[in-house]
C-alpha atoms as a PDB file:
ATOM      1  CA  UNK A   1       0.000   0.000   0.000  1.00  0.00           C
ATOM      2  CA  UNK A   2       1.328   3.433  -0.946  1.00  0.00           C
ATOM      3  CA  UNK A   3       2.222   5.959   1.736  1.00  0.00           C
ATOM      4  CA  UNK A   4       1.901   8.892  -0.657  1.00  0.00           C
ATOM      5  CA  UNK A   5      -0.933  11.338   0.023  1.00  0.00           C
ATOM      6  CA  UNK A   6      -4.090  10.845  -2.004  1.00  0.00           C
ATOM      7  CA  UNK A   7      -4.668  13.170  -4.908  1.00  0.00           C
ATOM      8  CA  UNK A   8      -7.949  15.068  -5.093  1.00  0.00           C
ATOM      9  CA  UNK A   9     -10.847  13.197  -6.652  1.00  0.00           C
ATOM     10  CA  UNK A  10     -11.525  14.363 -10.182  1.00  0.00           C
ATOM     11  CA  UNK A  11     -14.636  13.086 -11.912  1.00  0.00           C
ATOM     12  CA  UNK A  12     -13.961  14.332 -15.434  1.00  0.00           C
ATOM     13  CA  UNK A  13     -11.970  11.999 -17.703  1.00  0.00           C
ATOM     14  CA  UNK A  14     -10.097  14.867 -19.317  1.00  0.00           C
ATOM     15  CA  UNK A  15      -9.114  16.313 -15.918  1.00  0.00           C
ATOM     16  CA  UNK A  16      -7.079  13.358 -14.728  1.00  0.00           C
ATOM     17  CA  UNK A  17      -4.480  10.966 -16.016  1.00  0.00           C
ATOM     18  CA  UNK A  18      -5.500   7.350 -16.409  1.00  0.00           C
ATOM     19  CA  UNK A  19      -3.497   4.226 -16.980  1.00  0.00           C
ATOM     20  CA  UNK A  20      -4.700   0.901 -18.225  1.00  0.00           C
ATOM     21  CA  UNK A  21      -4.220  -1.734 -15.511  1.00  0.00           C
ATOM     22  CA  UNK A  22      -4.244  -4.943 -17.509  1.00  0.00           C
ATOM     23  CA  UNK A  23      -1.829  -7.811 -17.953  1.00  0.00           C
ATOM     24  CA  UNK A  24      -1.845 -11.232 -19.626  1.00  0.00           C
ATOM     25  CA  UNK A  25      -2.893 -13.066 -16.462  1.00  0.00           C
ATOM     26  CA  UNK A  26      -5.770 -10.693 -15.823  1.00  0.00           C
ATOM     27  CA  UNK A  27      -9.101 -12.567 -15.668  1.00  0.00           C
ATOM     28  CA  UNK A  28     -11.219  -9.516 -16.395  1.00  0.00           C
ATOM     29  CA  UNK A  29     -13.363  -9.160 -19.505  1.00  0.00           C
ATOM     30  CA  UNK A  30     -13.100  -5.362 -19.616  1.00  0.00           C
ATOM     31  CA  UNK A  31     -10.187  -2.964 -19.766  1.00  0.00           C
ATOM     32  CA  UNK A  32      -9.465  -1.410 -16.355  1.00  0.00           C
ATOM     33  CA  UNK A  33      -8.456   2.212 -15.813  1.00  0.00           C
ATOM     34  CA  UNK A  34      -6.667   3.591 -12.784  1.00  0.00           C
ATOM     35  CA  UNK A  35      -9.031   6.460 -12.095  1.00  0.00           C
ATOM     36  CA  UNK A  36     -10.552   8.040  -8.999  1.00  0.00           C
ATOM     37  CA  UNK A  37     -14.291   8.524  -9.281  1.00  0.00           C
ATOM     38  CA  UNK A  38     -16.614   9.412  -6.421  1.00  0.00           C
ATOM     39  CA  UNK A  39     -18.772   6.461  -5.420  1.00  0.00           C
ATOM     40  CA  UNK A  40     -21.451   5.918  -2.808  1.00  0.00           C
ATOM     41  CA  UNK A  41     -22.181   2.353  -1.678  1.00  0.00           C
ATOM     42  CA  UNK A  42     -25.166   0.959   0.177  1.00  0.00           C
ATOM     43  CA  UNK A  43     -25.201  -2.637   1.327  1.00  0.00           C
ATOM     44  CA  UNK A  44     -28.383  -4.583   0.661  1.00  0.00           C
ATOM     45  CA  UNK A  45     -30.782  -3.951   3.545  1.00  0.00           C
ATOM     46  CA  UNK A  46     -28.961  -0.828   4.773  1.00  0.00           C
ATOM     47  CA  UNK A  47     -29.715   2.858   4.263  1.00  0.00           C
ATOM     48  CA  UNK A  48     -26.290   3.915   5.575  1.00  0.00           C
ATOM     49  CA  UNK A  49     -24.104   5.127   2.695  1.00  0.00           C
ATOM     50  CA  UNK A  50     -20.373   4.561   2.432  1.00  0.00           C
ATOM     51  CA  UNK A  51     -18.782   7.417   0.467  1.00  0.00           C
ATOM     52  CA  UNK A  52     -15.336   6.998  -1.052  1.00  0.00           C
ATOM     53  CA  UNK A  53     -13.547   6.834  -4.411  1.00  0.00           C
ATOM     54  CA  UNK A  54     -12.668   4.097  -6.859  1.00  0.00           C
ATOM     55  CA  UNK A  55      -9.025   3.181  -7.379  1.00  0.00           C
ATOM     56  CA  UNK A  56      -9.799   1.633 -10.739  1.00  0.00           C
ATOM     57  CA  UNK A  57     -12.850   1.417 -12.960  1.00  0.00           C
ATOM     58  CA  UNK A  58     -14.034  -0.645 -15.935  1.00  0.00           C
ATOM     59  CA  UNK A  59     -17.254  -1.358 -17.811  1.00  0.00           C
ATOM     60  CA  UNK A  60     -17.769  -4.403 -15.621  1.00  0.00           C
ATOM     61  CA  UNK A  61     -16.796  -3.207 -12.144  1.00  0.00           C
ATOM     62  CA  UNK A  62     -14.478  -1.245  -9.904  1.00  0.00           C
ATOM     63  CA  UNK A  63     -12.083  -1.503  -6.970  1.00  0.00           C
ATOM     64  CA  UNK A  64     -12.381   0.517  -3.780  1.00  0.00           C
ATOM     65  CA  UNK A  65     -10.105   0.831  -0.765  1.00  0.00           C
ATOM     66  CA  UNK A  66     -11.745   0.071   2.592  1.00  0.00           C
ATOM     67  CA  UNK A  67     -10.027  -0.606   5.916  1.00  0.00           C
ATOM     68  CA  UNK A  68     -12.883  -2.967   6.817  1.00  0.00           C
ATOM     69  CA  UNK A  69     -13.843  -4.567   3.497  1.00  0.00           C
ATOM     70  CA  UNK A  70     -17.226  -6.078   2.748  1.00  0.00           C
ATOM     71  CA  UNK A  71     -17.670  -9.852   2.515  1.00  0.00           C
ATOM     72  CA  UNK A  72     -17.552 -11.597  -0.847  1.00  0.00           C
ATOM     73  CA  UNK A  73     -21.055 -11.999  -2.229  1.00  0.00           C
ATOM     74  CA  UNK A  74     -22.431  -8.879  -0.518  1.00  0.00           C
ATOM     75  CA  UNK A  75     -25.031  -7.224  -2.755  1.00  0.00           C
ATOM     76  CA  UNK A  76     -24.581  -3.474  -3.067  1.00  0.00           C
ATOM     77  CA  UNK A  77     -26.119  -0.458  -4.710  1.00  0.00           C
ATOM     78  CA  UNK A  78     -23.423   1.842  -6.045  1.00  0.00           C
ATOM     79  CA  UNK A  79     -23.833   5.397  -7.239  1.00  0.00           C
ATOM     80  CA  UNK A  80     -20.939   6.586  -9.411  1.00  0.00           C
ATOM     81  CA  UNK A  81     -20.610  10.316 -10.049  1.00  0.00           C
ATOM     82  CA  UNK A  82     -19.364  10.780 -13.613  1.00  0.00           C
ATOM     83  CA  UNK A  83     -19.062  14.348 -14.874  1.00  0.00           C
ATOM     84  CA  UNK A  84     -21.473  15.395 -12.126  1.00  0.00           C
ATOM     85  CA  UNK A  85     -24.118  12.841 -13.138  1.00  0.00           C
ATOM     86  CA  UNK A  86     -25.155  10.049 -10.777  1.00  0.00           C
ATOM     87  CA  UNK A  87     -25.169   6.544 -12.248  1.00  0.00           C
ATOM     88  CA  UNK A  88     -26.936   3.953 -10.101  1.00  0.00           C
ATOM     89  CA  UNK A  89     -25.740   0.360 -10.384  1.00  0.00           C
ATOM     90  CA  UNK A  90     -26.632  -2.872  -8.627  1.00  0.00           C
ATOM     91  CA  UNK A  91     -23.587  -5.024  -8.008  1.00  0.00           C
ATOM     92  CA  UNK A  92     -21.852  -7.590  -5.898  1.00  0.00           C
ATOM     93  CA  UNK A  93     -18.556  -7.847  -4.009  1.00  0.00           C
ATOM     94  CA  UNK A  94     -16.320 -10.355  -5.820  1.00  0.00           C
ATOM     95  CA  UNK A  95     -12.937  -9.895  -4.113  1.00  0.00           C
ATOM     96  CA  UNK A  96     -11.938  -9.075  -0.559  1.00  0.00           C
ATOM     97  CA  UNK A  97      -8.484  -8.017   0.605  1.00  0.00           C
ATOM     98  CA  UNK A  98      -8.453  -7.600   4.420  1.00  0.00           C
ATOM     99  CA  UNK A  99      -7.503  -4.099   5.567  1.00  0.00           C
ATOM    100  CA  UNK A 100      -7.250  -2.980   1.945  1.00  0.00           C
ATOM    101  CA  UNK A 101     -10.429  -3.163  -0.110  1.00  0.00           C
ATOM    102  CA  UNK A 102     -12.941  -4.824  -2.395  1.00  0.00           C
ATOM    103  CA  UNK A 103     -13.483  -5.565  -6.042  1.00  0.00           C
ATOM    104  CA  UNK A 104     -17.051  -5.120  -7.215  1.00  0.00           C
ATOM    105  CA  UNK A 105     -18.855  -6.458 -10.260  1.00  0.00           C
ATOM    106  CA  UNK A 106     -21.538  -4.327 -11.875  1.00  0.00           C
ATOM    107  CA  UNK A 107     -24.654  -6.422 -12.543  1.00  0.00           C
ATOM    108  CA  UNK A 108     -27.518  -4.063 -13.413  1.00  0.00           C
ATOM    109  CA  UNK A 109     -27.555  -0.406 -14.416  1.00  0.00           C
ATOM    110  CA  UNK A 110     -30.514   1.917 -13.901  1.00  0.00           C
ATOM    111  CA  UNK A 111     -31.690   4.067 -16.807  1.00  0.00           C
ATOM    112  CA  UNK A 112     -28.942   5.108 -19.226  1.00  0.00           C
ATOM    113  CA  UNK A 113     -26.191   4.376 -16.684  1.00  0.00           C
ATOM    114  CA  UNK A 114     -24.398   1.737 -18.713  1.00  0.00           C
ATOM    115  CA  UNK A 115     -24.205   3.985 -21.781  1.00  0.00           C
ATOM    116  CA  UNK A 116     -22.960   6.912 -19.670  1.00  0.00           C
ATOM    117  CA  UNK A 117     -20.232   4.738 -18.134  1.00  0.00           C
ATOM    118  CA  UNK A 118     -19.141   3.554 -21.596  1.00  0.00           C
ATOM    119  CA  UNK A 119     -18.995   7.162 -22.848  1.00  0.00           C
ATOM    120  CA  UNK A 120     -16.952   8.198 -19.805  1.00  0.00           C
ATOM    121  CA  UNK A 121     -14.440   5.375 -20.276  1.00  0.00           C
ATOM    122  CA  UNK A 122     -14.258   5.970 -24.035  1.00  0.00           C
ATOM    123  CA  UNK A 123     -13.388   9.627 -23.274  1.00  0.00           C
ATOM    124  CA  UNK A 124     -10.480   8.427 -21.114  1.00  0.00           C
ATOM    125  CA  UNK A 125      -9.118   6.424 -24.047  1.00  0.00           C
ATOM    126  CA  UNK A 126      -9.476   9.433 -26.345  1.00  0.00           C
ATOM    127  CA  UNK A 127      -7.828  11.807 -23.825  1.00  0.00           C
ATOM    128  CA  UNK A 128      -4.755   9.582 -23.304  1.00  0.00           C
END
């Protein structure tokens, strides 16, 4: 884990650098980008939000840092803030790293959320 201070969260793809985090052994179906995006999580059955930022993001999911990670299989509602627009997604925790964080898979998007996420990620590719 890095000891460097966190950079400010920037939710515009053209306002921040992004790197593709992908290697040959990677099991993911979608290209991952190292990008900080504001996210609000709610566990199934809870109205208490957890507000933080992604450490990476893809069309299929994201990774977040949490000192007390959620259990694998936990169903969540995530709200991503992309260019000031909320995108609501139903998902599930698929990885758990104690005292570090969780990987989450996106399962169902509300409204035009999936298209907006694709446009956001496509803009990152264009900007780099």
